[in-house]
Amino acid sequence: MKGVLVTAVVCLAAGLFVIFYFCNGTTGLSFAYPLSGCSIHIDITTTGAGVPVAVGLVATGAFLLMIATVIALIGMFRRERDIPPTRHRESAFEE
C-alpha cells in the first residue's frame, strides 16, 4: 500500500509541475475594505507537449490515490480480525 501511495503522490506532483512549467498565464490579487470586494484571479494556460503528459500524470496519480484509499480501508477492517490475542504474564518478573 505504501508503494501505491508514494507513486500516486509522485505522479500528482510531477503532473502539477509540468502544468506550471509550461504555463503562460497571469495572476491578480485585490484587497478591498469591504471583504466582499476582495478578489483573486488566476489564469493558467498550458500549451504544447506538456498538456498530454500533465493530464496523464495527474490522471494516473488520482487513480492510484483512489486505489491506495481502497487498500487502506480494506486493511483497516481486515487487521482487527486477524490479530491473535496476546498472552499476559501473571507478574512482571515471571518467565
PDB file of N, CA and C in Angstrom:
ATOM      1  N   MET A   1       0.818  -1.176   0.000  1.00  0.00           N
ATOM      2  CA  MET A   1       0.000   0.000   0.000  1.00  0.00           C
ATOM      3  C   MET A   1       0.873   1.256   0.000  1.00  0.00           C
ATOM      4  N   LYS A   2       1.992   1.212   0.701  1.00  0.00           N
ATOM      5  CA  LYS A   2       2.849   2.390   0.777  1.00  0.00           C
ATOM      6  C   LYS A   2       3.434   2.733  -0.591  1.00  0.00           C
ATOM      7  N   GLY A   3       3.773   1.728  -1.373  1.00  0.00           N
ATOM      8  CA  GLY A   3       4.314   1.962  -2.708  1.00  0.00           C
ATOM      9  C   GLY A   3       3.299   2.616  -3.629  1.00  0.00           C
ATOM     10  N   VAL A   4       2.050   2.193  -3.537  1.00  0.00           N
ATOM     11  CA  VAL A   4       0.994   2.786  -4.358  1.00  0.00           C
ATOM     12  C   VAL A   4       0.788   4.240  -3.965  1.00  0.00           C
ATOM     13  N   LEU A   5       0.800   4.518  -2.664  1.00  0.00           N
ATOM     14  CA  LEU A   5       0.606   5.887  -2.185  1.00  0.00           C
ATOM     15  C   LEU A   5       1.754   6.794  -2.603  1.00  0.00           C
ATOM     16  N   VAL A   6       2.973   6.325  -2.477  1.00  0.00           N
ATOM     17  CA  VAL A   6       4.135   7.124  -2.874  1.00  0.00           C
ATOM     18  C   VAL A   6       4.111   7.388  -4.374  1.00  0.00           C
ATOM     19  N   THR A   7       3.786   6.375  -5.160  1.00  0.00           N
ATOM     20  CA  THR A   7       3.698   6.548  -6.614  1.00  0.00           C
ATOM     21  C   THR A   7       2.612   7.546  -6.981  1.00  0.00           C
ATOM     22  N   ALA A   8       1.467   7.501  -6.284  1.00  0.00           N
ATOM     23  CA  ALA A   8       0.381   8.448  -6.552  1.00  0.00           C
ATOM     24  C   ALA A   8       0.820   9.877  -6.267  1.00  0.00           C
ATOM     25  N   VAL A   9       1.487  10.097  -5.153  1.00  0.00           N
ATOM     26  CA  VAL A   9       1.933  11.448  -4.799  1.00  0.00           C
ATOM     27  C   VAL A   9       2.981  11.944  -5.784  1.00  0.00           C
ATOM     28  N   VAL A  10       3.891  11.080  -6.198  1.00  0.00           N
ATOM     29  CA  VAL A  10       4.917  11.475  -7.162  1.00  0.00           C
ATOM     30  C   VAL A  10       4.281  11.830  -8.503  1.00  0.00           C
ATOM     31  N   CYS A  11       3.314  11.038  -8.965  1.00  0.00           N
ATOM     32  CA  CYS A  11       2.636  11.332 -10.232  1.00  0.00           C
ATOM     33  C   CYS A  11       1.878  12.650 -10.158  1.00  0.00           C
ATOM     34  N   LEU A  12       1.170  12.892  -9.061  1.00  0.00           N
ATOM     35  CA  LEU A  12       0.447  14.152  -8.911  1.00  0.00           C
ATOM     36  C   LEU A  12       1.402  15.345  -8.879  1.00  0.00           C
ATOM     37  N   ALA A  13       2.486  15.220  -8.148  1.00  0.00           N
ATOM     38  CA  ALA A  13       3.451  16.318  -8.062  1.00  0.00           C
ATOM     39  C   ALA A  13       4.106  16.579  -9.419  1.00  0.00           C
ATOM     40  N   ALA A  14       4.469  15.515 -10.119  1.00  0.00           N
ATOM     41  CA  ALA A  14       5.087  15.684 -11.438  1.00  0.00           C
ATOM     42  C   ALA A  14       4.095  16.291 -12.427  1.00  0.00           C
ATOM     43  N   GLY A  15       2.839  15.876 -12.377  1.00  0.00           N
ATOM     44  CA  GLY A  15       1.830  16.433 -13.266  1.00  0.00           C
ATOM     45  C   GLY A  15       1.603  17.914 -13.026  1.00  0.00           C
ATOM     46  N   LEU A  16       1.523  18.317 -11.747  1.00  0.00           N
ATOM     47  CA  LEU A  16       1.362  19.736 -11.433  1.00  0.00           C
ATOM     48  C   LEU A  16       2.597  20.540 -11.815  1.00  0.00           C
ATOM     49  N   PHE A  17       3.769  19.940 -11.656  1.00  0.00           N
ATOM     50  CA  PHE A  17       4.993  20.617 -12.070  1.00  0.00           C
ATOM     51  C   PHE A  17       4.984  20.876 -13.574  1.00  0.00           C
ATOM     52  N   VAL A  18       4.601  19.885 -14.362  1.00  0.00           N
ATOM     53  CA  VAL A  18       4.565  20.051 -15.816  1.00  0.00           C
ATOM     54  C   VAL A  18       3.523  21.097 -16.209  1.00  0.00           C
ATOM     55  N   ILE A  19       2.375  21.101 -15.534  1.00  0.00           N
ATOM     56  CA  ILE A  19       1.342  22.101 -15.833  1.00  0.00           C
ATOM     57  C   ILE A  19       1.889  23.502 -15.600  1.00  0.00           C
ATOM     58  N   PHE A  20       2.539  23.733 -14.468  1.00  0.00           N
ATOM     59  CA  PHE A  20       3.040  25.060 -14.169  1.00  0.00           C
ATOM     60  C   PHE A  20       4.317  25.410 -14.935  1.00  0.00           C
ATOM     61  N   TYR A  21       5.095  24.406 -15.347  1.00  0.00           N
ATOM     62  CA  TYR A  21       6.314  24.669 -16.104  1.00  0.00           C
ATOM     63  C   TYR A  21       5.980  25.192 -17.500  1.00  0.00           C
ATOM     64  N   PHE A  22       4.972  24.616 -18.152  1.00  0.00           N
ATOM     65  CA  PHE A  22       4.579  25.034 -19.491  1.00  0.00           C
ATOM     66  C   PHE A  22       3.483  26.102 -19.458  1.00  0.00           C
ATOM     67  N   CYS A  23       3.280  26.743 -18.332  1.00  0.00           N
ATOM     68  CA  CYS A  23       2.179  27.676 -18.127  1.00  0.00           C
ATOM     69  C   CYS A  23       2.500  29.048 -18.709  1.00  0.00           C
ATOM     70  N   ASN A  24       1.502  29.629 -19.361  1.00  0.00           N
ATOM     71  CA  ASN A  24       1.529  31.028 -19.784  1.00  0.00           C
ATOM     72  C   ASN A  24       0.285  31.656 -19.179  1.00  0.00           C
ATOM     73  N   GLY A  25       0.443  32.442 -18.148  1.00  0.00           N
ATOM     74  CA  GLY A  25      -0.748  32.985 -17.514  1.00  0.00           C
ATOM     75  C   GLY A  25      -0.433  34.180 -16.646  1.00  0.00           C
ATOM     76  N   THR A  26      -1.481  34.675 -16.037  1.00  0.00           N
ATOM     77  CA  THR A  26      -1.342  35.824 -15.164  1.00  0.00           C
ATOM     78  C   THR A  26      -2.054  35.544 -13.854  1.00  0.00           C
ATOM     79  N   THR A  27      -1.675  36.291 -12.849  1.00  0.00           N
ATOM     80  CA  THR A  27      -2.314  36.182 -11.551  1.00  0.00           C
ATOM     81  C   THR A  27      -2.591  37.586 -11.038  1.00  0.00           C
ATOM     82  N   GLY A  28      -3.776  37.776 -10.477  1.00  0.00           N
ATOM     83  CA  GLY A  28      -4.123  39.076  -9.924  1.00  0.00           C
ATOM     84  C   GLY A  28      -4.745  38.905  -8.557  1.00  0.00           C
ATOM     85  N   LEU A  29      -4.416  39.831  -7.646  1.00  0.00           N
ATOM     86  CA  LEU A  29      -4.934  39.781  -6.288  1.00  0.00           C
ATOM     87  C   LEU A  29      -5.322  41.198  -5.886  1.00  0.00           C
ATOM     88  N   SER A  30      -6.542  41.372  -5.402  1.00  0.00           N
ATOM     89  CA  SER A  30      -7.027  42.688  -4.985  1.00  0.00           C
ATOM     90  C   SER A  30      -7.577  42.607  -3.574  1.00  0.00           C
ATOM     91  N   PHE A  31      -7.143  43.539  -2.742  1.00  0.00           N
ATOM     92  CA  PHE A  31      -7.691  43.666  -1.404  1.00  0.00           C
ATOM     93  C   PHE A  31      -8.587  44.897  -1.366  1.00  0.00           C
ATOM     94  N   ALA A  32      -9.683  44.796  -0.638  1.00  0.00           N
ATOM     95  CA  ALA A  32     -10.595  45.932  -0.521  1.00  0.00           C
ATOM     96  C   ALA A  32     -11.110  45.997   0.904  1.00  0.00           C
ATOM     97  N   TYR A  33     -11.586  47.198   1.285  1.00  0.00           N
ATOM     98  CA  TYR A  33     -12.069  47.339   2.648  1.00  0.00           C
ATOM     99  C   TYR A  33     -13.310  46.492   2.925  1.00  0.00           C
ATOM    100  N   PRO A  34     -14.380  46.605   2.200  1.00  0.00           N
ATOM    101  CA  PRO A  34     -15.407  45.586   2.461  1.00  0.00           C
ATOM    102  C   PRO A  34     -14.905  44.271   1.878  1.00  0.00           C
ATOM    103  N   LEU A  35     -14.886  43.253   2.688  1.00  0.00           N
ATOM    104  CA  LEU A  35     -14.315  41.979   2.261  1.00  0.00           C
ATOM    105  C   LEU A  35     -14.987  41.417   1.014  1.00  0.00           C
ATOM    106  N   SER A  36     -16.199  41.821   0.733  1.00  0.00           N
ATOM    107  CA  SER A  36     -16.864  41.341  -0.472  1.00  0.00           C
ATOM    108  C   SER A  36     -16.209  41.886  -1.737  1.00  0.00           C
ATOM    109  N   GLY A  37     -15.364  42.907  -1.620  1.00  0.00           N
ATOM    110  CA  GLY A  37     -14.676  43.476  -2.772  1.00  0.00           C
ATOM    111  C   GLY A  37     -13.338  42.815  -3.062  1.00  0.00           C
ATOM    112  N   CYS A  38     -12.856  41.939  -2.185  1.00  0.00           N
ATOM    113  CA  CYS A  38     -11.583  41.243  -2.402  1.00  0.00           C
ATOM    114  C   CYS A  38     -11.742  40.215  -3.519  1.00  0.00           C
ATOM    115  N   SER A  39     -10.686  40.063  -4.309  1.00  0.00           N
ATOM    116  CA  SER A  39     -10.764  39.077  -5.389  1.00  0.00           C
ATOM    117  C   SER A  39      -9.382  38.536  -5.698  1.00  0.00           C
ATOM    118  N   ILE A  40      -9.364  37.343  -6.240  1.00  0.00           N
ATOM    119  CA  ILE A  40      -8.144  36.728  -6.745  1.00  0.00           C
ATOM    120  C   ILE A  40      -8.484  36.144  -8.110  1.00  0.00           C
ATOM    121  N   HIS A  41      -7.592  36.371  -9.049  1.00  0.00           N
ATOM    122  CA  HIS A  41      -7.804  35.881 -10.406  1.00  0.00           C
ATOM    123  C   HIS A  41      -6.560  35.119 -10.837  1.00  0.00           C
ATOM    124  N   ILE A  42      -6.738  33.858 -11.199  1.00  0.00           N
ATOM    125  CA  ILE A  42      -5.635  33.022 -11.666  1.00  0.00           C
ATOM    126  C   ILE A  42      -5.989  32.537 -13.055  1.00  0.00           C
ATOM    127  N   ASP A  43      -5.161  32.861 -14.019  1.00  0.00           N
ATOM    128  CA  ASP A  43      -5.373  32.455 -15.407  1.00  0.00           C
ATOM    129  C   ASP A  43      -4.197  31.577 -15.821  1.00  0.00           C
ATOM    130  N   ILE A  44      -4.452  30.290 -15.954  1.00  0.00           N
ATOM    131  CA  ILE A  44      -3.395  29.338 -16.298  1.00  0.00           C
ATOM    132  C   ILE A  44      -3.713  28.743 -17.656  1.00  0.00           C
ATOM    133  N   THR A  45      -2.820  28.909 -18.595  1.00  0.00           N
ATOM    134  CA  THR A  45      -2.960  28.304 -19.917  1.00  0.00           C
ATOM    135  C   THR A  45      -1.703  27.498 -20.181  1.00  0.00           C
ATOM    136  N   THR A  46      -1.852  26.222 -20.307  1.00  0.00           N
ATOM    137  CA  THR A  46      -0.724  25.343 -20.586  1.00  0.00           C
ATOM    138  C   THR A  46      -0.830  24.883 -22.032  1.00  0.00           C
ATOM    139  N   THR A  47       0.229  25.049 -22.778  1.00  0.00           N
ATOM    140  CA  THR A  47       0.232  24.677 -24.191  1.00  0.00           C
ATOM    141  C   THR A  47       1.426  23.786 -24.489  1.00  0.00           C
ATOM    142  N   GLY A  48       1.364  23.127 -25.605  1.00  0.00           N
ATOM    143  CA  GLY A  48       2.498  22.344 -26.083  1.00  0.00           C
ATOM    144  C   GLY A  48       2.451  20.890 -25.647  1.00  0.00           C
ATOM    145  N   ALA A  49       3.615  20.280 -25.678  1.00  0.00           N
ATOM    146  CA  ALA A  49       3.728  18.856 -25.384  1.00  0.00           C
ATOM    147  C   ALA A  49       3.465  18.537 -23.920  1.00  0.00           C
ATOM    148  N   GLY A  50       3.495  19.537 -23.073  1.00  0.00           N
ATOM    149  CA  GLY A  50       3.268  19.306 -21.654  1.00  0.00           C
ATOM    150  C   GLY A  50       1.838  18.950 -21.308  1.00  0.00           C
ATOM    151  N   VAL A  51       0.894  19.312 -22.176  1.00  0.00           N
ATOM    152  CA  VAL A  51      -0.512  19.063 -21.872  1.00  0.00           C
ATOM    153  C   VAL A  51      -0.830  17.576 -21.761  1.00  0.00           C
ATOM    154  N   PRO A  52      -0.538  16.749 -22.783  1.00  0.00           N
ATOM    155  CA  PRO A  52      -0.885  15.322 -22.626  1.00  0.00           C
ATOM    156  C   PRO A  52      -0.082  14.638 -21.521  1.00  0.00           C
ATOM    157  N   VAL A  53       1.154  15.068 -21.335  1.00  0.00           N
ATOM    158  CA  VAL A  53       1.978  14.481 -20.270  1.00  0.00           C
ATOM    159  C   VAL A  53       1.392  14.832 -18.908  1.00  0.00           C
ATOM    160  N   ALA A  54       1.028  16.091 -18.718  1.00  0.00           N
ATOM    161  CA  ALA A  54       0.482  16.530 -17.438  1.00  0.00           C
ATOM    162  C   ALA A  54      -0.856  15.874 -17.151  1.00  0.00           C
ATOM    163  N   VAL A  55      -1.715  15.808 -18.148  1.00  0.00           N
ATOM    164  CA  VAL A  55      -3.026  15.177 -17.953  1.00  0.00           C
ATOM    165  C   VAL A  55      -2.855  13.701 -17.611  1.00  0.00           C
ATOM    166  N   GLY A  56      -1.954  13.030 -18.296  1.00  0.00           N
ATOM    167  CA  GLY A  56      -1.702  11.614 -18.000  1.00  0.00           C
ATOM    168  C   GLY A  56      -1.158  11.396 -16.604  1.00  0.00           C
ATOM    169  N   LEU A  57      -0.212  12.234 -16.196  1.00  0.00           N
ATOM    170  CA  LEU A  57       0.364  12.090 -14.856  1.00  0.00           C
ATOM    171  C   LEU A  57      -0.658  12.385 -13.768  1.00  0.00           C
ATOM    172  N   VAL A  58      -1.446  13.435 -13.937  1.00  0.00           N
ATOM    173  CA  VAL A  58      -2.442  13.778 -12.924  1.00  0.00           C
ATOM    174  C   VAL A  58      -3.531  12.710 -12.860  1.00  0.00           C
ATOM    175  N   ALA A  59      -3.964  12.205 -14.013  1.00  0.00           N
ATOM    176  CA  ALA A  59      -4.985  11.154 -14.029  1.00  0.00           C
ATOM    177  C   ALA A  59      -4.461   9.874 -13.385  1.00  0.00           C
ATOM    178  N   THR A  60      -3.222   9.511 -13.694  1.00  0.00           N
ATOM    179  CA  THR A  60      -2.624   8.317 -13.088  1.00  0.00           C
ATOM    180  C   THR A  60      -2.475   8.494 -11.580  1.00  0.00           C
ATOM    181  N   GLY A  61      -2.015   9.651 -11.148  1.00  0.00           N
ATOM    182  CA  GLY A  61      -1.867   9.914  -9.716  1.00  0.00           C
ATOM    183  C   GLY A  61      -3.194   9.879  -8.983  1.00  0.00           C
ATOM    184  N   ALA A  62      -4.243  10.451  -9.578  1.00  0.00           N
ATOM    185  CA  ALA A  62      -5.560  10.441  -8.933  1.00  0.00           C
ATOM    186  C   ALA A  62      -6.114   9.023  -8.852  1.00  0.00           C
ATOM    187  N   PHE A  63      -5.931   8.249  -9.909  1.00  0.00           N
ATOM    188  CA  PHE A  63      -6.395   6.858  -9.912  1.00  0.00           C
ATOM    189  C   PHE A  63      -5.659   6.032  -8.862  1.00  0.00           C
ATOM    190  N   LEU A  64      -4.335   6.182  -8.789  1.00  0.00           N
ATOM    191  CA  LEU A  64      -3.565   5.441  -7.784  1.00  0.00           C
ATOM    192  C   LEU A  64      -3.906   5.880  -6.369  1.00  0.00           C
ATOM    193  N   LEU A  65      -4.238   7.155  -6.191  1.00  0.00           N
ATOM    194  CA  LEU A  65      -4.643   7.632  -4.875  1.00  0.00           C
ATOM    195  C   LEU A  65      -5.965   7.000  -4.449  1.00  0.00           C
ATOM    196  N   MET A  66      -6.892   6.827  -5.387  1.00  0.00           N
ATOM    197  CA  MET A  66      -8.154   6.139  -5.069  1.00  0.00           C
ATOM    198  C   MET A  66      -7.902   4.673  -4.724  1.00  0.00           C
ATOM    199  N   ILE A  67      -7.014   4.021  -5.451  1.00  0.00           N
ATOM    200  CA  ILE A  67      -6.687   2.620  -5.164  1.00  0.00           C
ATOM    201  C   ILE A  67      -6.027   2.504  -3.791  1.00  0.00           C
ATOM    202  N   ALA A  68      -5.112   3.409  -3.463  1.00  0.00           N
ATOM    203  CA  ALA A  68      -4.459   3.381  -2.147  1.00  0.00           C
ATOM    204  C   ALA A  68      -5.476   3.586  -1.030  1.00  0.00           C
ATOM    205  N   THR A  69      -6.472   4.432  -1.264  1.00  0.00           N
ATOM    206  CA  THR A  69      -7.510   4.644  -0.260  1.00  0.00           C
ATOM    207  C   THR A  69      -8.329   3.383  -0.045  1.00  0.00           C
ATOM    208  N   VAL A  70      -8.700   2.712  -1.123  1.00  0.00           N
ATOM    209  CA  VAL A  70      -9.465   1.463  -1.008  1.00  0.00           C
ATOM    210  C   VAL A  70      -8.636   0.397  -0.302  1.00  0.00           C
ATOM    211  N   ILE A  71      -7.364   0.281  -0.638  1.00  0.00           N
ATOM    212  CA  ILE A  71      -6.493  -0.704   0.015  1.00  0.00           C
ATOM    213  C   ILE A  71      -6.379  -0.398   1.513  1.00  0.00           C
ATOM    214  N   ALA A  72      -6.248   0.884   1.864  1.00  0.00           N
ATOM    215  CA  ALA A  72      -6.137   1.258   3.283  1.00  0.00           C
ATOM    216  C   ALA A  72      -7.433   0.950   4.034  1.00  0.00           C
ATOM    217  N   LEU A  73      -8.582   1.210   3.415  1.00  0.00           N
ATOM    218  CA  LEU A  73      -9.851   0.907   4.070  1.00  0.00           C
ATOM    219  C   LEU A  73     -10.037  -0.592   4.263  1.00  0.00           C
ATOM    220  N   ILE A  74      -9.683  -1.374   3.264  1.00  0.00           N
ATOM    221  CA  ILE A  74      -9.776  -2.834   3.399  1.00  0.00           C
ATOM    222  C   ILE A  74      -8.826  -3.317   4.490  1.00  0.00           C
ATOM    223  N   GLY A  75      -7.621  -2.756   4.536  1.00  0.00           N
ATOM    224  CA  GLY A  75      -6.651  -3.151   5.554  1.00  0.00           C
ATOM    225  C   GLY A  75      -7.090  -2.798   6.960  1.00  0.00           C
ATOM    226  N   MET A  76      -7.794  -1.694   7.122  1.00  0.00           N
ATOM    227  CA  MET A  76      -8.281  -1.312   8.456  1.00  0.00           C
ATOM    228  C   MET A  76      -9.264  -2.331   8.998  1.00  0.00           C
ATOM    229  N   PHE A  77     -10.169  -2.778   8.168  1.00  0.00           N
ATOM    230  CA  PHE A  77     -11.191  -3.718   8.632  1.00  0.00           C
ATOM    231  C   PHE A  77     -10.661  -5.142   8.738  1.00  0.00           C
ATOM    232  N   ARG A  78      -9.691  -5.489   7.929  1.00  0.00           N
ATOM    233  CA  ARG A  78      -9.166  -6.849   7.936  1.00  0.00           C
ATOM    234  C   ARG A  78      -8.224  -7.079   9.111  1.00  0.00           C
ATOM    235  N   ARG A  79      -7.443  -6.110   9.510  1.00  0.00           N
ATOM    236  CA  ARG A  79      -6.463  -6.287  10.578  1.00  0.00           C
ATOM    237  C   ARG A  79      -7.093  -6.553  11.926  1.00  0.00           C
ATOM    238  N   GLU A  80      -8.233  -5.982  12.199  1.00  0.00           N
ATOM    239  CA  GLU A  80      -8.843  -6.150  13.510  1.00  0.00           C
ATOM    240  C   GLU A  80      -9.203  -7.607  13.788  1.00  0.00           C
ATOM    241  N   ARG A  81      -9.588  -8.353  12.784  1.00  0.00           N
ATOM    242  CA  ARG A  81      -9.992  -9.744  12.983  1.00  0.00           C
ATOM    243  C   ARG A  81      -8.813 -10.711  12.966  1.00  0.00           C
ATOM    244  N   ASP A  82      -7.710 -10.335  12.294  1.00  0.00           N
ATOM    245  CA  ASP A  82      -6.588 -11.256  12.124  1.00  0.00           C
ATOM    246  C   ASP A  82      -5.559 -11.193  13.243  1.00  0.00           C
ATOM    247  N   ILE A  83      -5.670 -10.264  14.172  1.00  0.00           N
ATOM    248  CA  ILE A  83      -4.686 -10.149  15.247  1.00  0.00           C
ATOM    249  C   ILE A  83      -4.982 -11.201  16.317  1.00  0.00           C
ATOM    250  N   PRO A  84      -4.023 -12.104  16.580  1.00  0.00           N
ATOM    251  CA  PRO A  84      -4.273 -13.102  17.625  1.00  0.00           C
ATOM    252  C   PRO A  84      -4.216 -12.457  19.006  1.00  0.00           C
ATOM    253  N   PRO A  85      -4.927 -13.015  19.964  1.00  0.00           N
ATOM    254  CA  PRO A  85      -4.887 -12.440  21.316  1.00  0.00           C
ATOM    255  C   PRO A  85      -3.495 -12.602  21.921  1.00  0.00           C
ATOM    256  N   THR A  86      -3.057 -11.592  22.663  1.00  0.00           N
ATOM    257  CA  THR A  86      -1.733 -11.640  23.284  1.00  0.00           C
ATOM    258  C   THR A  86      -1.812 -12.339  24.631  1.00  0.00           C
ATOM    259  N   ARG A  87      -0.718 -12.997  24.999  1.00  0.00           N
ATOM    260  CA  ARG A  87      -0.653 -13.668  26.302  1.00  0.00           C
ATOM    261  C   ARG A  87      -0.029 -12.717  27.296  1.00  0.00           C
ATOM    262  N   HIS A  88      -0.648 -12.579  28.449  1.00  0.00           N
ATOM    263  CA  HIS A  88      -0.126 -11.717  29.510  1.00  0.00           C
ATOM    264  C   HIS A  88       0.394 -12.594  30.651  1.00  0.00           C
ATOM    265  N   ARG A  89       1.514 -12.168  31.209  1.00  0.00           N
ATOM    266  CA  ARG A  89       2.069 -12.880  32.346  1.00  0.00           C
ATOM    267  C   ARG A  89       1.342 -12.482  33.616  1.00  0.00           C
ATOM    268  N   GLU A  90       1.421 -13.370  34.608  1.00  0.00           N
ATOM    269  CA  GLU A  90       0.770 -13.068  35.896  1.00  0.00           C
ATOM    270  C   GLU A  90       1.531 -11.981  36.644  1.00  0.00           C
ATOM    271  N   SER A  91       2.848 -12.014  36.609  1.00  0.00           N
ATOM    272  CA  SER A  91       3.629 -10.959  37.275  1.00  0.00           C
ATOM    273  C   SER A  91       4.660 -10.433  36.288  1.00  0.00           C
ATOM    274  N   ALA A  92       5.218  -9.291  36.573  1.00  0.00           N
ATOM    275  CA  ALA A  92       6.120  -8.639  35.647  1.00  0.00           C
ATOM    276  C   ALA A  92       7.457  -9.359  35.501  1.00  0.00           C
ATOM    277  N   PHE A  93       7.922 -10.077  36.550  1.00  0.00           N
ATOM    278  CA  PHE A  93       9.234 -10.709  36.507  1.00  0.00           C
ATOM    279  C   PHE A  93       9.146 -12.205  36.297  1.00  0.00           C
ATOM    280  N   GLU A  94       8.011 -12.738  35.991  1.00  0.00           N
ATOM    281  CA  GLU A  94       7.853 -14.170  35.792  1.00  0.00           C
ATOM    282  C   GLU A  94       8.197 -14.530  34.356  1.00  0.00           C
ATOM    283  N   GLU A  95       8.847 -15.681  34.177  1.00  0.00           N
ATOM    284  CA  GLU A  95       9.203 -16.135  32.831  1.00  0.00           C
ATOM    285  C   GLU A  95       8.460 -17.377  32.468  1.00  0.00           C
TER     286      GLU A  95
END
